[in-house]
Amino acid sequence: MSVKVSIAMVSILRDGLVNGLGVKYKRLADAVEKAIVEGVIEPGCKLPPHRLLADSLGVTIGTVSRAYGELERVGRVVARVGDGTYVRQRGMERQRDAGFRNVSDEPQACFDMSRNQPIPGQEALFLSQSLQALALDPDALQSISGYTADAGSLRHRAAGAHWLRHLQFVPDAEQVVCVNGGQHGLLCALMGLLKAGDTVVTEHLTYPGLISVARMLGIKLIGVAMDDEGLMPDALEDVCRNHRVSALYCTPTIQNPTAAVMSVPRREAIAEVCRQHNLLILEDEAHAVLARQRPLPLSYFAPERSVLIGSLSKAVSAGLRVGYLHAPQPLIGRLSAAVRGTCWMASPLALEVASLWIENGSAAQLLAQQIIEIGRRKALVGGVLQGVVYKTHPDSPHFWIEVPEPWRASQIAAELKENNYLVATAEAFAVGHGAVPQFIRASVCNSAGDDGLLIRGFEALIGAITETV
């Protein structure tokens, strides 16, 4: 049964305020969502203006705005600038708690531009050669066939230190912990150094893997405002003054999803804020290795409080699942304990292969090939992007593309999906309940060498955006 929202909506929300759970805006959002699910409020229905509801319910306009924002975040409504808020049509709801995906679960017919992954190169050939060489080396096989130290063998840690080295930042192997990829490294850092109920600040658009693992561990996230360089020091300072914050997680180089890169002065300012407020810094460098000319890591400017998370996943081989943590010596024991508690030890076989590649130059060769291929593909679709507003970095594997008002990125993504093209919207990266910017992240990584498919995918994306203008 449909209702006239100007009358019945107030009744629905009053009941939600009285009988619901949680803070006011959440009670309001839950009541509306329940009515939508039960069909009391029909798809396509326009919800009442914020002020009308606020006056009728005796709550602030801000409370109603947060309730509407929560409904938009979970995909129940669509806000159209200058026109109001509408209940989303059936089949357009945003999946909740779906987390992030490393492999697409969509039919193979879909062309997936939503994920960043290494472009296939010579890693399969190198892997074959390395495994054959290992098979003929009994001593090497014996050394990796049993248990190792929690942090990894000294040789594997030394290879990790070499991989993380950049300009004047020279890691010490004794300060490196080997992990099963960057995501495992992030999990170990959060588990080993924080506890449930602690608060971590991060960019207001951040890596979805952080959002997922923080939720699992009961760690609170606060999103901080960004500009073209990424995290803003003044915004971080403001959050620290108003909240009890334990740590900062950020991606200073090729930020995911905006592709922003912090300047050296920005890194120095962020380090100083963290020092003043005694924040632990968790620095993600998964994509940073793709940047041919990048500044020194935050870990260089605040070595006493920084944990650097690096991996081979984005540049060399995702399947090896090899990553490294570099941290102050006093934290190594806690990080090693987290490795032991999650998997006992990082895989010695994968670490052996990675170490061989780092030592003989194969890893650097694969990285160079990755950078060249990303650049080639981006140049290929560059002409298609004329007429739209976007951000990127020359070595970033993705574009961050603005969707013009009054349209929503989720609408464009849904339209593309109907035509078997997948993209990522800002919703997947959003922290908190604030307004989500209307942007789409589109990657050049996943065309399996088919340039025609890559071009058609971006033509479909840009066509869907420009048709709305």
Protein backbone atom coordinates (compact mmCIF):
# COMPACT_ATOMS: atom_id res chain seq x y z
CA MET A 1 0.00 0.00 0.00
CA SER A 2 1.38 3.41 -0.93
CA VAL A 3 1.02 6.44 1.31
CA LYS A 4 1.13 10.19 0.95
CA VAL A 5 4.43 10.82 2.60
CA SER A 6 3.44 14.32 3.78
CA ILE A 7 0.96 12.66 6.18
CA ALA A 8 1.88 9.04 6.89
CA MET A 9 5.65 9.56 6.82
CA VAL A 10 5.47 11.62 9.99
CA SER A 11 3.56 8.84 11.72
CA ILE A 12 6.11 6.24 10.57
CA LEU A 13 9.01 8.32 11.85
CA ARG A 14 7.37 9.19 15.17
CA ASP A 15 6.93 5.49 15.82
CA GLY A 16 10.58 4.94 14.87
CA LEU A 17 11.75 7.63 17.28
CA VAL A 18 9.80 6.06 20.15
CA ASN A 19 10.48 2.38 19.49
CA GLY A 20 13.75 2.38 17.55
CA LEU A 21 17.27 1.79 18.80
CA GLY A 22 20.36 3.94 18.62
CA VAL A 23 20.80 7.65 18.04
CA LYS A 24 17.92 9.68 16.60
CA TYR A 25 19.05 9.84 12.99
CA LYS A 26 19.61 6.08 12.94
CA ARG A 27 16.12 5.44 14.36
CA LEU A 28 14.65 7.63 11.63
CA ALA A 29 16.66 5.92 8.90
CA ASP A 30 15.73 2.46 10.18
CA ALA A 31 12.03 3.36 10.25
CA VAL A 32 12.08 4.60 6.66
CA GLU A 33 14.06 1.59 5.48
CA LYS A 34 11.59 -0.77 7.16
CA ALA A 35 8.70 0.98 5.42
CA ILE A 36 10.50 0.77 2.07
CA VAL A 37 11.24 -2.94 2.50
CA GLU A 38 7.63 -3.67 3.50
CA GLY A 39 6.31 -1.73 0.52
CA VAL A 40 4.56 0.91 2.61
CA ILE A 41 6.71 3.53 0.85
CA GLU A 42 6.86 2.70 -2.82
CA PRO A 43 9.84 2.86 -5.22
CA GLY A 44 10.13 6.24 -6.92
CA CYS A 45 8.31 8.03 -4.09
CA LYS A 46 9.64 11.49 -3.22
CA LEU A 47 10.41 11.93 0.47
CA PRO A 48 9.36 15.10 2.35
CA PRO A 49 11.74 18.07 2.61
CA HIS A 50 14.15 18.08 5.53
CA ARG A 51 12.62 21.15 7.22
CA LEU A 52 9.06 19.84 7.00
CA LEU A 53 10.02 16.62 8.76
CA ALA A 54 12.20 18.39 11.31
CA ASP A 55 9.35 20.73 12.29
CA SER A 56 6.80 17.92 12.43
CA LEU A 57 8.98 15.60 14.52
CA GLY A 58 10.59 18.16 16.78
CA VAL A 59 14.14 17.29 15.73
CA THR A 60 16.86 19.34 14.08
CA ILE A 61 17.26 19.63 10.32
CA GLY A 62 20.70 18.11 10.80
CA THR A 63 19.17 14.96 12.28
CA VAL A 64 16.89 14.54 9.29
CA SER A 65 19.79 15.22 6.92
CA ARG A 66 21.89 12.53 8.60
CA ALA A 67 18.99 10.08 8.39
CA TYR A 68 18.58 10.77 4.67
CA GLY A 69 22.34 10.50 4.24
CA GLU A 70 22.32 7.09 5.92
CA LEU A 71 19.50 5.93 3.63
CA GLU A 72 21.50 7.07 0.62
CA ARG A 73 24.63 5.37 1.94
CA VAL A 74 22.88 2.00 2.15
CA GLY A 75 21.28 2.49 -1.24
CA ARG A 76 17.60 2.93 -0.31
CA VAL A 77 17.21 6.47 -1.67
CA VAL A 78 18.72 8.75 -4.29
CA ALA A 79 19.28 12.47 -3.65
CA ARG A 80 18.96 14.68 -6.72
CA VAL A 81 20.39 18.14 -6.40
CA GLY A 82 17.66 20.77 -6.57
CA ASP A 83 14.91 18.17 -6.86
CA GLY A 84 14.75 16.26 -3.58
CA THR A 85 15.23 12.71 -2.32
CA TYR A 86 13.56 9.70 -3.96
CA VAL A 87 13.17 6.04 -3.02
CA ARG A 88 15.41 4.00 -5.27
CA GLN A 89 13.83 1.71 -7.84
CA ARG A 90 13.83 -2.03 -7.18
CA GLY A 91 17.03 -3.82 -8.09
CA MET A 92 19.11 -0.66 -7.59
CA GLU A 93 19.75 -1.11 -3.85
CA ARG A 94 23.31 -0.95 -2.73
CA GLN A 95 24.60 -4.19 -1.23
CA ARG A 96 25.48 -3.77 2.42
CA ASP A 97 28.61 -5.12 4.05
CA ALA A 98 29.65 -6.70 0.77
CA GLY A 99 33.21 -5.67 1.53
CA PHE A 100 35.80 -5.34 -1.20
CA ARG A 101 36.53 -7.89 -3.90
CA ASN A 102 39.83 -9.15 -5.15
CA VAL A 103 38.16 -11.26 -7.85
CA SER A 104 34.97 -10.34 -9.66
CA ASP A 105 31.97 -12.54 -8.90
CA GLU A 106 30.16 -11.23 -11.95
CA PRO A 107 29.62 -13.28 -15.13
CA GLN A 108 32.63 -13.48 -17.40
CA ALA A 109 30.75 -11.48 -20.02
CA CYS A 110 31.23 -8.38 -17.85
CA PHE A 111 34.21 -6.14 -18.49
CA ASP A 112 35.43 -5.14 -15.03
CA MET A 113 36.88 -1.64 -14.72
CA SER A 114 36.17 -1.56 -10.99
CA ARG A 115 39.34 -3.23 -9.69
CA ASN A 116 43.04 -2.41 -9.67
CA GLN A 117 45.18 -5.49 -10.14
CA PRO A 118 48.57 -6.10 -11.76
CA ILE A 119 48.48 -6.37 -15.53
CA PRO A 120 49.73 -9.82 -16.59
CA GLY A 121 53.33 -9.82 -17.78
CA GLN A 122 56.24 -12.21 -17.43
CA GLU A 123 55.56 -13.25 -13.84
CA ALA A 124 54.27 -16.70 -14.85
CA LEU A 125 57.47 -17.36 -16.81
CA PHE A 126 59.64 -16.13 -13.95
CA LEU A 127 57.67 -18.26 -11.49
CA SER A 128 58.19 -21.36 -13.61
CA GLN A 129 61.93 -20.69 -13.83
CA SER A 130 62.24 -20.00 -10.09
CA LEU A 131 60.34 -23.11 -9.05
CA GLN A 132 62.41 -25.27 -11.38
CA ALA A 133 65.59 -23.82 -9.91
CA LEU A 134 64.34 -24.40 -6.37
CA ALA A 135 63.46 -28.01 -7.20
CA LEU A 136 67.14 -28.60 -7.98
CA ASP A 137 68.40 -26.95 -4.76
CA PRO A 138 67.89 -29.36 -1.80
CA ASP A 139 69.40 -26.94 0.73
CA ALA A 140 67.05 -24.14 -0.29
CA LEU A 141 64.05 -26.47 -0.19
CA GLN A 142 65.05 -27.70 3.26
CA SER A 143 65.33 -24.14 4.55
CA ILE A 144 61.74 -23.29 3.57
CA SER A 145 60.08 -26.60 4.38
CA GLY A 146 59.73 -26.04 8.13
CA TYR A 147 58.73 -23.34 10.58
CA THR A 148 60.49 -19.99 10.48
CA ALA A 149 60.71 -17.10 12.92
CA ASP A 150 57.47 -15.13 13.30
CA ALA A 151 58.87 -12.10 11.50
CA GLY A 152 60.43 -14.23 8.74
CA SER A 153 63.99 -15.37 8.10
CA LEU A 154 66.66 -12.68 8.13
CA ARG A 155 67.29 -13.17 4.40
CA HIS A 156 63.62 -12.69 3.56
CA ARG A 157 63.43 -9.64 5.82
CA ALA A 158 66.52 -8.21 4.11
CA ALA A 159 64.84 -8.65 0.72
CA GLY A 160 61.81 -6.83 2.10
CA ALA A 161 63.99 -3.98 3.34
CA HIS A 162 65.49 -3.68 -0.14
CA TRP A 163 62.02 -3.61 -1.73
CA LEU A 164 60.82 -0.85 0.62
CA ARG A 165 63.96 1.25 0.17
CA HIS A 166 63.46 4.63 -1.53
CA LEU A 167 65.90 7.52 -1.85
CA GLN A 168 67.14 8.42 1.65
CA PHE A 169 64.71 6.03 3.30
CA VAL A 170 66.85 2.96 4.01
CA PRO A 171 64.96 0.33 6.04
CA ASP A 172 66.76 -1.97 8.47
CA ALA A 173 66.05 -5.68 7.97
CA GLU A 174 65.68 -6.04 11.75
CA GLN A 175 62.72 -3.67 11.55
CA VAL A 176 60.93 -5.64 8.81
CA VAL A 177 58.17 -8.21 9.41
CA CYS A 178 57.17 -10.51 6.53
CA VAL A 179 53.43 -10.92 5.92
CA ASN A 180 51.13 -12.63 3.44
CA GLY A 181 50.40 -9.55 1.35
CA GLY A 182 49.51 -5.96 2.17
CA GLN A 183 46.01 -6.74 3.45
CA HIS A 184 47.44 -9.26 5.92
CA GLY A 185 49.99 -6.65 6.93
CA LEU A 186 47.21 -4.14 7.62
CA LEU A 187 45.33 -6.73 9.67
CA CYS A 188 48.44 -7.53 11.73
CA ALA A 189 49.15 -3.83 12.33
CA LEU A 190 45.62 -3.17 13.57
CA MET A 191 45.48 -6.37 15.65
CA GLY A 192 48.93 -5.99 17.13
CA LEU A 193 48.99 -2.28 17.86
CA LEU A 194 45.35 -1.30 18.51
CA LYS A 195 42.34 -2.73 20.32
CA ALA A 196 38.58 -2.81 19.91
CA GLY A 197 37.07 0.61 20.57
CA ASP A 198 40.16 2.53 19.44
CA THR A 199 39.68 5.25 16.82
CA VAL A 200 41.65 5.52 13.59
CA VAL A 201 41.47 8.59 11.37
CA THR A 202 41.81 8.17 7.63
CA GLU A 203 40.96 9.95 4.41
CA HIS A 204 37.18 10.38 4.07
CA LEU A 205 37.56 8.25 0.95
CA THR A 206 39.85 5.36 1.80
CA TYR A 207 40.90 1.81 0.96
CA PRO A 208 37.86 -0.52 1.33
CA GLY A 209 40.09 -3.19 2.88
CA LEU A 210 40.63 -0.90 5.87
CA ILE A 211 36.89 -0.37 6.27
CA SER A 212 36.25 -4.12 6.25
CA VAL A 213 38.96 -5.13 8.71
CA ALA A 214 38.24 -2.22 11.07
CA ARG A 215 34.60 -3.32 11.22
CA MET A 216 35.65 -6.88 12.03
CA LEU A 217 38.02 -5.75 14.81
CA GLY A 218 35.63 -3.21 16.35
CA ILE A 219 37.92 -0.29 15.49
CA LYS A 220 36.21 3.04 14.83
CA LEU A 221 37.03 5.06 11.73
CA ILE A 222 36.75 8.82 11.28
CA GLY A 223 37.07 10.27 7.80
CA VAL A 224 39.16 13.42 7.36
CA ALA A 225 38.70 16.02 4.65
CA MET A 226 40.96 15.90 1.58
CA ASP A 227 42.12 18.19 -1.18
CA ASP A 228 44.11 17.58 -4.36
CA GLU A 229 47.11 16.43 -2.30
CA GLY A 230 45.09 14.07 -0.13
CA LEU A 231 44.70 14.29 3.64
CA MET A 232 44.60 17.87 4.97
CA PRO A 233 46.75 18.63 8.06
CA ASP A 234 44.31 21.22 9.44
CA ALA A 235 41.42 18.76 9.18
CA LEU A 236 43.50 16.09 10.92
CA GLU A 237 44.41 18.57 13.65
CA ASP A 238 40.74 19.44 14.16
CA VAL A 239 39.72 15.78 14.50
CA CYS A 240 42.51 15.10 16.99
CA ARG A 241 41.40 18.01 19.14
CA ASN A 242 37.81 16.81 19.27
CA HIS A 243 38.26 13.04 19.45
CA ARG A 244 40.45 10.56 21.25
CA VAL A 245 42.43 9.21 18.31
CA SER A 246 44.95 6.37 18.42
CA ALA A 247 46.27 6.18 14.86
CA LEU A 248 46.26 7.56 11.34
CA TYR A 249 45.93 5.34 8.27
CA CYS A 250 46.67 7.01 4.97
CA THR A 251 48.01 6.51 1.47
CA PRO A 252 50.31 9.46 0.70
CA THR A 253 51.25 8.31 -2.81
CA ILE A 254 48.63 7.42 -5.48
CA GLN A 255 45.86 7.57 -2.92
CA ASN A 256 43.06 5.09 -3.43
CA PRO A 257 40.68 6.14 -4.96
CA THR A 258 41.57 9.78 -5.75
CA ALA A 259 45.14 9.13 -7.03
CA ALA A 260 46.37 12.14 -4.99
CA VAL A 261 50.05 12.45 -4.08
CA MET A 262 51.19 14.43 -1.03
CA SER A 263 53.98 16.95 -1.47
CA VAL A 264 56.99 16.87 0.86
CA PRO A 265 55.73 19.90 2.86
CA ARG A 266 52.36 18.16 3.27
CA ARG A 267 54.07 15.00 4.54
CA GLU A 268 56.13 17.01 6.99
CA ALA A 269 52.99 18.77 8.26
CA ILE A 270 51.09 15.48 8.69
CA ALA A 271 54.05 13.97 10.55
CA GLU A 272 54.15 16.97 12.90
CA VAL A 273 50.43 16.75 13.71
CA CYS A 274 50.81 13.05 14.48
CA ARG A 275 53.81 13.78 16.67
CA GLN A 276 51.95 16.49 18.60
CA HIS A 277 48.97 14.22 19.24
CA ASN A 278 51.00 11.02 19.70
CA LEU A 279 49.37 9.20 16.80
CA LEU A 280 50.63 5.95 15.36
CA ILE A 281 50.97 6.25 11.56
CA LEU A 282 49.94 3.35 9.32
CA GLU A 283 51.22 4.20 5.85
CA ASP A 284 50.04 2.18 2.85
CA GLU A 285 52.52 2.05 -0.04
CA ALA A 286 50.87 -0.69 -2.12
CA HIS A 287 50.44 1.59 -5.14
CA ALA A 288 53.34 3.93 -4.34
CA VAL A 289 55.93 1.69 -5.98
CA LEU A 290 54.22 2.38 -9.32
CA ALA A 291 55.16 6.07 -9.11
CA ARG A 292 58.48 6.57 -10.87
CA GLN A 293 59.09 9.89 -9.15
CA ARG A 294 57.61 9.89 -5.67
CA PRO A 295 58.46 11.74 -2.47
CA LEU A 296 59.96 10.08 0.54
CA PRO A 297 57.46 8.08 2.62
CA LEU A 298 55.90 9.46 5.79
CA SER A 299 57.99 6.87 7.61
CA TYR A 300 61.07 8.93 6.77
CA PHE A 301 59.62 12.06 8.42
CA ALA A 302 58.27 10.29 11.53
CA PRO A 303 60.27 7.05 11.84
CA GLU A 304 59.60 6.69 15.57
CA ARG A 305 55.84 6.23 15.06
CA SER A 306 55.34 4.94 11.51
CA VAL A 307 54.44 1.49 10.24
CA LEU A 308 55.01 1.23 6.49
CA ILE A 309 52.89 -1.37 4.66
CA GLY A 310 54.38 -2.54 1.36
CA SER A 311 53.71 -5.46 -0.94
CA LEU A 312 54.39 -6.97 -4.35
CA SER A 313 50.69 -7.33 -5.15
CA LYS A 314 50.10 -4.25 -7.33
CA ALA A 315 53.43 -4.23 -9.12
CA VAL A 316 54.83 -7.75 -9.40
CA SER A 317 52.45 -10.61 -8.60
CA ALA A 318 49.20 -10.61 -6.64
CA GLY A 319 49.19 -14.41 -6.38
CA LEU A 320 52.44 -14.63 -4.42
CA ARG A 321 50.76 -12.85 -1.47
CA VAL A 322 53.99 -11.31 -0.22
CA GLY A 323 54.12 -8.13 1.82
CA TYR A 324 56.31 -6.38 4.36
CA LEU A 325 55.85 -4.19 7.41
CA HIS A 326 58.56 -1.77 8.45
CA ALA A 327 58.15 -0.43 11.98
CA PRO A 328 60.07 1.03 14.92
CA GLN A 329 62.04 -1.68 16.72
CA PRO A 330 59.87 -1.54 19.91
CA LEU A 331 56.81 -2.56 17.85
CA ILE A 332 58.35 -5.53 16.05
CA GLY A 333 57.48 -7.98 18.82
CA ARG A 334 53.80 -7.03 18.79
CA LEU A 335 53.60 -7.21 15.01
CA SER A 336 55.35 -10.57 15.00
CA ALA A 337 52.85 -11.83 17.60
CA ALA A 338 50.00 -10.74 15.31
CA VAL A 339 51.53 -12.73 12.45
CA ARG A 340 51.82 -15.75 14.73
CA GLY A 341 48.23 -15.32 15.88
CA THR A 342 46.79 -15.11 12.37
CA CYS A 343 48.81 -17.59 10.31
CA TRP A 344 51.81 -18.61 12.46
CA MET A 345 54.19 -17.33 9.80
CA ALA A 346 54.15 -15.87 6.32
CA SER A 347 54.56 -18.53 3.63
CA PRO A 348 58.31 -19.33 3.31
CA LEU A 349 57.88 -20.62 -0.25
CA ALA A 350 56.27 -17.39 -1.49
CA LEU A 351 58.84 -15.33 0.41
CA GLU A 352 61.66 -17.37 -1.11
CA VAL A 353 60.41 -16.72 -4.63
CA ALA A 354 59.91 -13.02 -3.87
CA SER A 355 63.39 -12.77 -2.37
CA LEU A 356 64.94 -14.40 -5.44
CA TRP A 357 63.12 -11.93 -7.68
CA ILE A 358 64.17 -8.94 -5.57
CA GLU A 359 67.78 -10.12 -5.43
CA ASN A 360 68.19 -10.97 -9.13
CA GLY A 361 66.31 -7.93 -10.46
CA SER A 362 63.22 -9.77 -11.74
CA ALA A 363 60.93 -7.82 -9.36
CA ALA A 364 62.32 -4.51 -10.62
CA GLN A 365 61.88 -5.71 -14.21
CA LEU A 366 58.25 -6.68 -13.62
CA LEU A 367 57.62 -3.35 -11.90
CA ALA A 368 59.09 -1.43 -14.84
CA GLN A 369 56.95 -3.41 -17.29
CA GLN A 370 53.88 -2.70 -15.17
CA ILE A 371 54.51 1.04 -15.20
CA ILE A 372 55.06 1.07 -18.97
CA GLU A 373 51.90 -0.91 -19.67
CA ILE A 374 49.77 1.27 -17.40
CA GLY A 375 51.04 4.34 -19.23
CA ARG A 376 50.38 2.78 -22.63
CA ARG A 377 46.82 1.86 -21.74
CA LYS A 378 46.06 5.25 -20.21
CA ALA A 379 47.33 6.97 -23.35
CA LEU A 380 45.10 4.67 -25.39
CA VAL A 381 41.92 5.83 -23.63
CA GLY A 382 43.05 9.41 -23.01
CA GLY A 383 41.23 10.76 -26.05
CA VAL A 384 37.99 9.11 -24.93
CA LEU A 385 38.06 11.14 -21.69
CA GLN A 386 37.77 14.50 -23.43
CA GLY A 387 34.75 16.38 -22.18
CA VAL A 388 34.69 14.94 -18.66
CA VAL A 389 36.35 16.08 -15.43
CA TYR A 390 38.73 13.58 -13.89
CA LYS A 391 41.81 13.20 -11.69
CA THR A 392 44.69 10.78 -12.01
CA HIS A 393 48.45 10.43 -11.66
CA PRO A 394 50.66 9.49 -14.63
CA ASP A 395 51.48 6.13 -13.02
CA SER A 396 48.11 5.47 -11.39
CA PRO A 397 46.26 2.47 -12.83
CA HIS A 398 42.91 4.24 -12.55
CA PHE A 399 41.03 7.44 -13.30
CA TRP A 400 38.84 9.24 -10.75
CA ILE A 401 35.99 10.62 -12.86
CA GLU A 402 33.40 13.16 -11.75
CA VAL A 403 29.71 12.57 -12.45
CA PRO A 404 27.96 15.89 -13.23
CA GLU A 405 24.94 17.08 -11.29
CA PRO A 406 22.12 16.24 -10.88
CA TRP A 407 23.04 12.63 -11.59
CA ARG A 408 24.47 10.12 -9.12
CA ALA A 409 27.44 7.86 -9.65
CA SER A 410 25.33 4.89 -8.54
CA GLN A 411 22.92 5.55 -11.41
CA ILE A 412 25.73 5.55 -13.94
CA ALA A 413 27.20 2.37 -12.44
CA ALA A 414 23.82 0.63 -12.60
CA GLU A 415 23.31 1.66 -16.22
CA LEU A 416 26.77 0.39 -17.14
CA LYS A 417 26.20 -2.89 -15.34
CA GLU A 418 23.08 -3.49 -17.42
CA ASN A 419 25.41 -3.30 -20.41
CA ASN A 420 28.00 -5.62 -18.82
CA TYR A 421 30.50 -2.99 -17.68
CA LEU A 422 31.58 -2.67 -14.05
CA VAL A 423 32.97 0.42 -12.32
CA ALA A 424 33.50 1.43 -8.69
CA THR A 425 31.67 4.41 -7.15
CA ALA A 426 32.78 6.59 -4.25
CA GLU A 427 30.35 4.78 -1.94
CA ALA A 428 32.70 1.80 -1.71
CA PHE A 429 35.47 4.04 -0.32
CA ALA A 430 33.41 6.34 1.95
CA VAL A 431 34.01 6.57 5.70
CA GLY A 432 31.21 7.81 7.95
CA HIS A 433 27.77 9.08 7.10
CA GLY A 434 28.58 12.35 5.36
CA ALA A 435 27.69 13.20 1.79
CA VAL A 436 29.48 11.00 -0.72
CA PRO A 437 31.07 12.80 -3.71
CA GLN A 438 29.73 11.75 -7.07
CA PHE A 439 32.78 10.13 -8.63
CA ILE A 440 33.58 6.87 -10.38
CA ARG A 441 36.87 4.98 -10.27
CA ALA A 442 37.72 3.26 -13.54
CA SER A 443 40.79 1.07 -13.94
CA VAL A 444 42.76 0.24 -17.09
CA CYS A 445 44.08 -3.04 -15.68
CA ASN A 446 41.57 -5.68 -16.63
CA SER A 447 41.25 -5.92 -20.41
CA ALA A 448 43.49 -9.03 -20.63
CA GLY A 449 45.48 -7.45 -23.45
CA ASP A 450 42.42 -6.64 -25.58
CA ASP A 451 42.87 -2.95 -26.43
CA GLY A 452 39.57 -2.86 -28.29
CA LEU A 453 37.70 -4.07 -25.21
CA LEU A 454 39.46 -1.48 -23.08
CA ILE A 455 38.51 1.35 -25.42
CA ARG A 456 34.90 0.16 -25.71
CA GLY A 457 34.65 -0.01 -21.92
CA PHE A 458 35.78 3.57 -21.47
CA GLU A 459 33.62 4.74 -24.37
CA ALA A 460 30.60 3.18 -22.67
CA LEU A 461 31.52 4.85 -19.37
CA ILE A 462 32.08 8.30 -20.85
CA GLY A 463 28.99 7.91 -23.03
CA ALA A 464 26.86 7.20 -19.98
CA ILE A 465 28.26 10.27 -18.19
CA THR A 466 28.07 12.74 -21.08
CA GLU A 467 24.55 11.71 -22.02
CA THR A 468 23.42 13.05 -18.65
CA VAL A 469 24.88 16.51 -19.20
